[in-house]
Every structure is written in C-alpha cells, then in structure tokens.
C-alpha cells in the first residue's frame, strides 16, 4: 500500500495550523478545492503556501451546450460508429 504524502503548511489559511502536515484530501476538504487540482499544483513539493491554495480561475474547461441543436449534435457524436 502506498504511503500518503503529507505536505507542510506554510500558508496563512485561518482554518489550518502553520507548520503542521496535511494530506491532499484534508487540504481539499478545508479549502474546498479538488484533489486533482491540488495534486497538479503541489507536484514534488514538500510544503505549500497561499499561492497553492488560490481558487481555480475556471470551473469548466469545455463550453456548455446551450442550444437544442448543440445537444442533438453532441448526442449523435457520442454514438458508436459500428
């Protein structure tokens, strides 16, 4: 079983103790960020700061299908070819 990576807090977040170790799961719950986002930001770091805990700029990468024709087109594109 893989060891859980712990990261040292160097941020000024009000709900976290400075100098304590936290897992990505704990940080994601406290800061309301996704674990994948934090995993990409931390990389091979040992500690994290306020810049790593900033909110994401975009919530969704792909545009939302708004019109009826867009939804119909998307439904046909999801079908198998054979």
C-alpha atoms as a PDB file:
ATOM      1  CA  UNK A   1       0.000   0.000   0.000  1.00  0.00           C
ATOM      2  CA  UNK A   2       1.304   3.445  -0.946  1.00  0.00           C
ATOM      3  CA  UNK A   3       2.241   5.896   1.787  1.00  0.00           C
ATOM      4  CA  UNK A   4       0.047   9.020   1.935  1.00  0.00           C
ATOM      5  CA  UNK A   5       2.017  12.142   1.012  1.00  0.00           C
ATOM      6  CA  UNK A   6       1.926  14.799   3.702  1.00  0.00           C
ATOM      7  CA  UNK A   7       2.640  18.464   2.951  1.00  0.00           C
ATOM      8  CA  UNK A   8       3.821  21.087   5.458  1.00  0.00           C
ATOM      9  CA  UNK A   9       1.616  24.174   5.760  1.00  0.00           C
ATOM     10  CA  UNK A  10       3.430  27.479   5.161  1.00  0.00           C
ATOM     11  CA  UNK A  11       0.236  29.394   4.347  1.00  0.00           C
ATOM     12  CA  UNK A  12      -1.813  31.857   6.383  1.00  0.00           C
ATOM     13  CA  UNK A  13      -5.099  29.990   5.959  1.00  0.00           C
ATOM     14  CA  UNK A  14      -7.339  30.638   9.009  1.00  0.00           C
ATOM     15  CA  UNK A  15      -8.523  27.010   9.309  1.00  0.00           C
ATOM     16  CA  UNK A  16      -5.025  25.486   9.163  1.00  0.00           C
ATOM     17  CA  UNK A  17      -2.148  25.444  11.664  1.00  0.00           C
ATOM     18  CA  UNK A  18       1.121  26.790  10.305  1.00  0.00           C
ATOM     19  CA  UNK A  19       3.873  24.158  10.328  1.00  0.00           C
ATOM     20  CA  UNK A  20       1.502  21.166  10.578  1.00  0.00           C
ATOM     21  CA  UNK A  21       1.382  18.398   7.967  1.00  0.00           C
ATOM     22  CA  UNK A  22      -1.742  17.791   5.873  1.00  0.00           C
ATOM     23  CA  UNK A  23      -2.682  15.298   3.161  1.00  0.00           C
ATOM     24  CA  UNK A  24      -4.170  16.419  -0.149  1.00  0.00           C
ATOM     25  CA  UNK A  25      -7.552  15.018   0.940  1.00  0.00           C
ATOM     26  CA  UNK A  26      -7.525  17.107   4.134  1.00  0.00           C
ATOM     27  CA  UNK A  27      -6.448  20.250   2.282  1.00  0.00           C
ATOM     28  CA  UNK A  28      -9.134  19.757  -0.376  1.00  0.00           C
ATOM     29  CA  UNK A  29     -11.861  19.469   2.276  1.00  0.00           C
ATOM     30  CA  UNK A  30     -10.641  22.507   4.245  1.00  0.00           C
ATOM     31  CA  UNK A  31     -10.037  24.773   1.225  1.00  0.00           C
ATOM     32  CA  UNK A  32     -12.888  23.469  -0.968  1.00  0.00           C
ATOM     33  CA  UNK A  33     -10.573  22.677  -3.910  1.00  0.00           C
ATOM     34  CA  UNK A  34     -10.482  19.425  -5.863  1.00  0.00           C
ATOM     35  CA  UNK A  35      -7.810  16.892  -5.047  1.00  0.00           C
ATOM     36  CA  UNK A  36      -6.674  16.723  -8.676  1.00  0.00           C
ATOM     37  CA  UNK A  37      -6.134  20.480  -8.790  1.00  0.00           C
ATOM     38  CA  UNK A  38      -4.037  20.370  -5.612  1.00  0.00           C
ATOM     39  CA  UNK A  39      -2.106  17.326  -6.828  1.00  0.00           C
ATOM     40  CA  UNK A  40      -1.154  19.167 -10.034  1.00  0.00           C
ATOM     41  CA  UNK A  41      -0.145  22.303  -8.134  1.00  0.00           C
ATOM     42  CA  UNK A  42       1.936  20.554  -5.484  1.00  0.00           C
ATOM     43  CA  UNK A  43       3.886  18.236  -7.785  1.00  0.00           C
ATOM     44  CA  UNK A  44       7.016  17.182  -5.875  1.00  0.00           C
ATOM     45  CA  UNK A  45       6.824  19.955  -3.267  1.00  0.00           C
ATOM     46  CA  UNK A  46       7.264  19.252   0.432  1.00  0.00           C
ATOM     47  CA  UNK A  47       5.396  22.346   1.634  1.00  0.00           C
ATOM     48  CA  UNK A  48       2.641  24.594   0.303  1.00  0.00           C
ATOM     49  CA  UNK A  49       1.834  28.310   0.621  1.00  0.00           C
ATOM     50  CA  UNK A  50      -1.000  30.742  -0.117  1.00  0.00           C
ATOM     51  CA  UNK A  51      -0.339  30.687  -3.879  1.00  0.00           C
ATOM     52  CA  UNK A  52      -1.036  26.943  -3.979  1.00  0.00           C
ATOM     53  CA  UNK A  53      -4.400  27.392  -2.223  1.00  0.00           C
ATOM     54  CA  UNK A  54      -5.841  30.014  -4.584  1.00  0.00           C
ATOM     55  CA  UNK A  55      -9.202  29.366  -6.214  1.00  0.00           C
ATOM     56  CA  UNK A  56      -9.291  27.998  -9.741  1.00  0.00           C
ATOM     57  CA  UNK A  57      -9.718  30.599 -12.484  1.00  0.00           C
ATOM     58  CA  UNK A  58     -12.131  28.454 -14.499  1.00  0.00           C
ATOM     59  CA  UNK A  59     -14.613  25.951 -13.200  1.00  0.00           C
ATOM     60  CA  UNK A  60     -15.182  24.180 -16.509  1.00  0.00           C
ATOM     61  CA  UNK A  61     -12.798  23.856 -19.435  1.00  0.00           C
ATOM     62  CA  UNK A  62     -15.378  22.924 -22.067  1.00  0.00           C
ATOM     63  CA  UNK A  63     -18.216  25.274 -23.072  1.00  0.00           C
ATOM     64  CA  UNK A  64     -21.723  24.353 -22.007  1.00  0.00           C
ATOM     65  CA  UNK A  65     -24.017  23.177 -24.816  1.00  0.00           C
ATOM     66  CA  UNK A  66     -26.747  25.789 -24.822  1.00  0.00           C
ATOM     67  CA  UNK A  67     -28.939  25.301 -27.874  1.00  0.00           C
ATOM     68  CA  UNK A  68     -31.138  22.356 -28.759  1.00  0.00           C
ATOM     69  CA  UNK A  69     -29.137  21.709 -31.936  1.00  0.00           C
ATOM     70  CA  UNK A  70     -25.882  21.610 -29.915  1.00  0.00           C
ATOM     71  CA  UNK A  71     -27.332  18.967 -27.596  1.00  0.00           C
ATOM     72  CA  UNK A  72     -28.661  16.923 -30.542  1.00  0.00           C
ATOM     73  CA  UNK A  73     -25.293  17.083 -32.288  1.00  0.00           C
ATOM     74  CA  UNK A  74     -23.499  16.011 -29.120  1.00  0.00           C
ATOM     75  CA  UNK A  75     -25.844  13.051 -28.649  1.00  0.00           C
ATOM     76  CA  UNK A  76     -25.026  11.804 -32.162  1.00  0.00           C
ATOM     77  CA  UNK A  77     -21.302  12.320 -31.659  1.00  0.00           C
ATOM     78  CA  UNK A  78     -21.375  10.072 -28.569  1.00  0.00           C
ATOM     79  CA  UNK A  79     -22.754   7.099 -30.545  1.00  0.00           C
ATOM     80  CA  UNK A  80     -20.648   4.208 -31.775  1.00  0.00           C
ATOM     81  CA  UNK A  81     -19.616   4.205 -35.418  1.00  0.00           C
ATOM     82  CA  UNK A  82     -20.040   0.460 -35.950  1.00  0.00           C
END
